[in-house]
Structure formats: C-alpha cells, structure tokens
Amino acid sequence: MSTGPEKGPNAFRTIGELAQEIGRPQHILRYWETRFAQLRPLQRAGGRRYYRPEDVALVRRIDTLLGKEGYTIRGVQQLLAGERTTGRKPSAETLADVRDTLARALKDDEG
C-alpha cells in the first residue's frame, strides 16, 4: 500500500486502509456490514466504501469485542442493540451479565 503520511483521526478511510489498520481482510469488514446494522459506511459510485470516523471507531470496537474479548457475532449484536436503546455504553457489570446470559443459553442449547 502507500507509504505516505497517515491520515488524521477525522479523515475518511477506504475499506483497504481500515482493513490494514485493524489487521483484518476487507471481506471481513464487508461481512460485518451485513451483521451490524449500525455499520453503514458511505458508498460512492462503483460501490467504493468510505468509513467515517464514527464507523472507524465502531469497527475497532467490534474487532476488540470479537477478537480480544471473546464475544460472538450475536453477543456483539445484542450489546450494540442495548446501547442503541439506552444511548450509552454498558458498564463492566452489564457486559458480564450479557456474557453470563449468553453462556447459560449456550449451555442450555447443548444439554
């Protein structure tokens, strides 16, 4: 890719730039767009995607929740849906409650 100066925090990013920043392939970002209604980058002619700063922040958050926190796609969907209804991010206790609820549901499904 380019070796030019890094973009500022408020600059729009292409899918290639964002994929490189978070270390995931572009097709993963396109998949996430189908799974998370909140993730809607601008699309120009020819389908070229431009991620706004708030999209970039959401992608980084999804990446952290899935890759480092151990959430499933469904768990992240529920978490984000809860934030949308309350208008704020959940506390650590709420996150633990969601994680426990999902674990119980998976255990019930298995046995």
C-alpha atoms as a PDB file:
ATOM      1  CA  MET A   1       0.000   0.000   0.000  1.00  0.00           C
ATOM      2  CA  SER A   2       1.017   3.625   0.177  1.00  0.00           C
ATOM      3  CA  THR A   3       3.843   4.796   2.362  1.00  0.00           C
ATOM      4  CA  GLY A   4       2.552   8.381   2.562  1.00  0.00           C
ATOM      5  CA  PRO A   5       1.665  10.210   5.759  1.00  0.00           C
ATOM      6  CA  GLU A   6      -1.009   8.726   7.988  1.00  0.00           C
ATOM      7  CA  LYS A   7      -4.469  10.226   7.824  1.00  0.00           C
ATOM      8  CA  GLY A   8      -5.775  12.289  10.678  1.00  0.00           C
ATOM      9  CA  PRO A   9      -8.310  10.886  13.142  1.00  0.00           C
ATOM     10  CA  ASN A  10     -11.206  12.712  11.431  1.00  0.00           C
ATOM     11  CA  ALA A  11     -10.340  11.615   7.894  1.00  0.00           C
ATOM     12  CA  PHE A  12     -12.489   9.152   5.988  1.00  0.00           C
ATOM     13  CA  ARG A  13     -10.886   5.749   5.369  1.00  0.00           C
ATOM     14  CA  THR A  14     -11.280   3.379   2.451  1.00  0.00           C
ATOM     15  CA  ILE A  15     -12.024  -0.249   3.178  1.00  0.00           C
ATOM     16  CA  GLY A  16      -8.434  -1.143   2.287  1.00  0.00           C
ATOM     17  CA  GLU A  17      -6.993   1.433   4.663  1.00  0.00           C
ATOM     18  CA  LEU A  18      -9.243   0.385   7.520  1.00  0.00           C
ATOM     19  CA  ALA A  19      -8.639  -3.322   6.925  1.00  0.00           C
ATOM     20  CA  GLN A  20      -4.903  -2.702   7.058  1.00  0.00           C
ATOM     21  CA  GLU A  21      -5.200  -0.607  10.236  1.00  0.00           C
ATOM     22  CA  ILE A  22      -7.056  -3.312  12.157  1.00  0.00           C
ATOM     23  CA  GLY A  23      -5.233  -6.255  10.577  1.00  0.00           C
ATOM     24  CA  ARG A  24      -8.288  -7.952   9.087  1.00  0.00           C
ATOM     25  CA  PRO A  25      -9.083  -8.735   5.446  1.00  0.00           C
ATOM     26  CA  GLN A  26     -11.509  -6.492   3.574  1.00  0.00           C
ATOM     27  CA  HIS A  27     -14.081  -9.255   3.191  1.00  0.00           C
ATOM     28  CA  ILE A  28     -14.430  -9.390   6.980  1.00  0.00           C
ATOM     29  CA  LEU A  29     -15.400  -5.710   7.055  1.00  0.00           C
ATOM     30  CA  ARG A  30     -17.933  -6.292   4.276  1.00  0.00           C
ATOM     31  CA  TYR A  31     -19.333  -9.241   6.255  1.00  0.00           C
ATOM     32  CA  TRP A  32     -19.604  -7.138   9.405  1.00  0.00           C
ATOM     33  CA  GLU A  33     -21.658  -4.606   7.424  1.00  0.00           C
ATOM     34  CA  THR A  34     -24.228  -7.371   6.838  1.00  0.00           C
ATOM     35  CA  ARG A  35     -24.302  -8.384  10.517  1.00  0.00           C
ATOM     36  CA  PHE A  36     -24.248  -4.990  12.261  1.00  0.00           C
ATOM     37  CA  ALA A  37     -26.914  -2.515  11.176  1.00  0.00           C
ATOM     38  CA  GLN A  38     -25.022   0.317  12.891  1.00  0.00           C
ATOM     39  CA  LEU A  39     -22.093  -0.084  10.485  1.00  0.00           C
ATOM     40  CA  ARG A  40     -23.027   1.816   7.329  1.00  0.00           C
ATOM     41  CA  PRO A  41     -20.074   3.438   5.542  1.00  0.00           C
ATOM     42  CA  LEU A  42     -20.705   5.893   2.744  1.00  0.00           C
ATOM     43  CA  GLN A  43     -20.705   4.277  -0.686  1.00  0.00           C
ATOM     44  CA  ARG A  44     -19.706   6.218  -3.771  1.00  0.00           C
ATOM     45  CA  ALA A  45     -20.182   5.381  -7.409  1.00  0.00           C
ATOM     46  CA  GLY A  46     -18.854   1.958  -8.194  1.00  0.00           C
ATOM     47  CA  GLY A  47     -19.505   0.779  -4.627  1.00  0.00           C
ATOM     48  CA  ARG A  48     -16.325   2.297  -3.160  1.00  0.00           C
ATOM     49  CA  ARG A  49     -16.710   2.486   0.621  1.00  0.00           C
ATOM     50  CA  TYR A  50     -15.650   5.396   2.794  1.00  0.00           C
ATOM     51  CA  TYR A  51     -15.655   4.876   6.541  1.00  0.00           C
ATOM     52  CA  ARG A  52     -16.399   7.965   8.636  1.00  0.00           C
ATOM     53  CA  PRO A  53     -14.610   8.449  11.975  1.00  0.00           C
ATOM     54  CA  GLU A  54     -17.619   7.018  13.849  1.00  0.00           C
ATOM     55  CA  ASP A  55     -17.582   3.973  11.523  1.00  0.00           C
ATOM     56  CA  VAL A  56     -13.872   3.500  12.205  1.00  0.00           C
ATOM     57  CA  ALA A  57     -14.497   3.637  15.962  1.00  0.00           C
ATOM     58  CA  LEU A  58     -17.305   1.086  15.642  1.00  0.00           C
ATOM     59  CA  VAL A  59     -15.157  -1.272  13.548  1.00  0.00           C
ATOM     60  CA  ARG A  60     -12.363  -1.069  16.110  1.00  0.00           C
ATOM     61  CA  ARG A  61     -14.840  -1.793  18.896  1.00  0.00           C
ATOM     62  CA  ILE A  62     -16.347  -4.764  17.054  1.00  0.00           C
ATOM     63  CA  ASP A  63     -12.857  -6.071  16.349  1.00  0.00           C
ATOM     64  CA  THR A  64     -11.920  -5.795  20.034  1.00  0.00           C
ATOM     65  CA  LEU A  65     -15.120  -7.456  21.247  1.00  0.00           C
ATOM     66  CA  LEU A  66     -14.832 -10.340  18.778  1.00  0.00           C
ATOM     67  CA  GLY A  67     -11.078 -10.817  18.732  1.00  0.00           C
ATOM     68  CA  LYS A  68      -9.932  -9.954  22.230  1.00  0.00           C
ATOM     69  CA  GLU A  69     -13.000 -10.108  24.490  1.00  0.00           C
ATOM     70  CA  GLY A  70     -14.293 -13.426  23.138  1.00  0.00           C
ATOM     71  CA  TYR A  71     -17.759 -12.271  22.133  1.00  0.00           C
ATOM     72  CA  THR A  72     -19.699 -13.968  19.357  1.00  0.00           C
ATOM     73  CA  ILE A  73     -21.323 -12.057  16.499  1.00  0.00           C
ATOM     74  CA  ARG A  74     -24.686 -12.477  18.234  1.00  0.00           C
ATOM     75  CA  GLY A  75     -23.268 -11.270  21.538  1.00  0.00           C
ATOM     76  CA  VAL A  76     -21.888  -8.120  19.940  1.00  0.00           C
ATOM     77  CA  GLN A  77     -25.216  -7.572  18.142  1.00  0.00           C
ATOM     78  CA  GLN A  78     -27.066  -7.753  21.462  1.00  0.00           C
ATOM     79  CA  LEU A  79     -24.555  -5.479  23.135  1.00  0.00           C
ATOM     80  CA  LEU A  80     -24.822  -2.838  20.409  1.00  0.00           C
ATOM     81  CA  ALA A  81     -28.622  -3.118  20.325  1.00  0.00           C
ATOM     82  CA  GLY A  82     -28.708  -2.485  24.075  1.00  0.00           C
ATOM     83  CA  GLU A  83     -26.555   0.593  23.660  1.00  0.00           C
ATOM     84  CA  ARG A  84     -28.843   1.912  20.956  1.00  0.00           C
ATOM     85  CA  THR A  85     -31.895   1.700  23.226  1.00  0.00           C
ATOM     86  CA  THR A  86     -30.184   3.269  26.250  1.00  0.00           C
ATOM     87  CA  GLY A  87     -27.993   5.697  24.330  1.00  0.00           C
ATOM     88  CA  ARG A  88     -24.879   4.822  26.310  1.00  0.00           C
ATOM     89  CA  LYS A  89     -22.243   2.148  26.577  1.00  0.00           C
ATOM     90  CA  PRO A  90     -22.903  -0.541  29.167  1.00  0.00           C
ATOM     91  CA  SER A  91     -20.905  -0.823  32.363  1.00  0.00           C
ATOM     92  CA  ALA A  92     -18.491  -3.668  33.032  1.00  0.00           C
ATOM     93  CA  GLU A  93     -21.195  -5.289  35.192  1.00  0.00           C
ATOM     94  CA  THR A  94     -23.662  -5.182  32.301  1.00  0.00           C
ATOM     95  CA  LEU A  95     -21.065  -6.729  29.999  1.00  0.00           C
ATOM     96  CA  ALA A  96     -20.528  -9.522  32.497  1.00  0.00           C
ATOM     97  CA  ASP A  97     -24.301 -10.063  32.725  1.00  0.00           C
ATOM     98  CA  VAL A  98     -24.589 -10.319  28.937  1.00  0.00           C
ATOM     99  CA  ARG A  99     -21.660 -12.736  28.840  1.00  0.00           C
ATOM    100  CA  ASP A 100     -23.223 -14.883  31.604  1.00  0.00           C
ATOM    101  CA  THR A 101     -26.629 -14.891  29.890  1.00  0.00           C
ATOM    102  CA  LEU A 102     -25.088 -15.995  26.607  1.00  0.00           C
ATOM    103  CA  ALA A 103     -23.068 -18.707  28.353  1.00  0.00           C
ATOM    104  CA  ARG A 104     -26.212 -20.046  30.059  1.00  0.00           C
ATOM    105  CA  ALA A 105     -28.113 -20.005  26.761  1.00  0.00           C
ATOM    106  CA  LEU A 106     -25.338 -21.933  25.026  1.00  0.00           C
ATOM    107  CA  LYS A 107     -25.198 -24.428  27.896  1.00  0.00           C
ATOM    108  CA  ASP A 108     -28.987 -24.911  27.730  1.00  0.00           C
ATOM    109  CA  ASP A 109     -28.785 -25.484  23.970  1.00  0.00           C
ATOM    110  CA  GLU A 110     -26.083 -28.134  24.422  1.00  0.00           C
ATOM    111  CA  GLY A 111     -27.698 -30.134  27.093  1.00  0.00           C
END
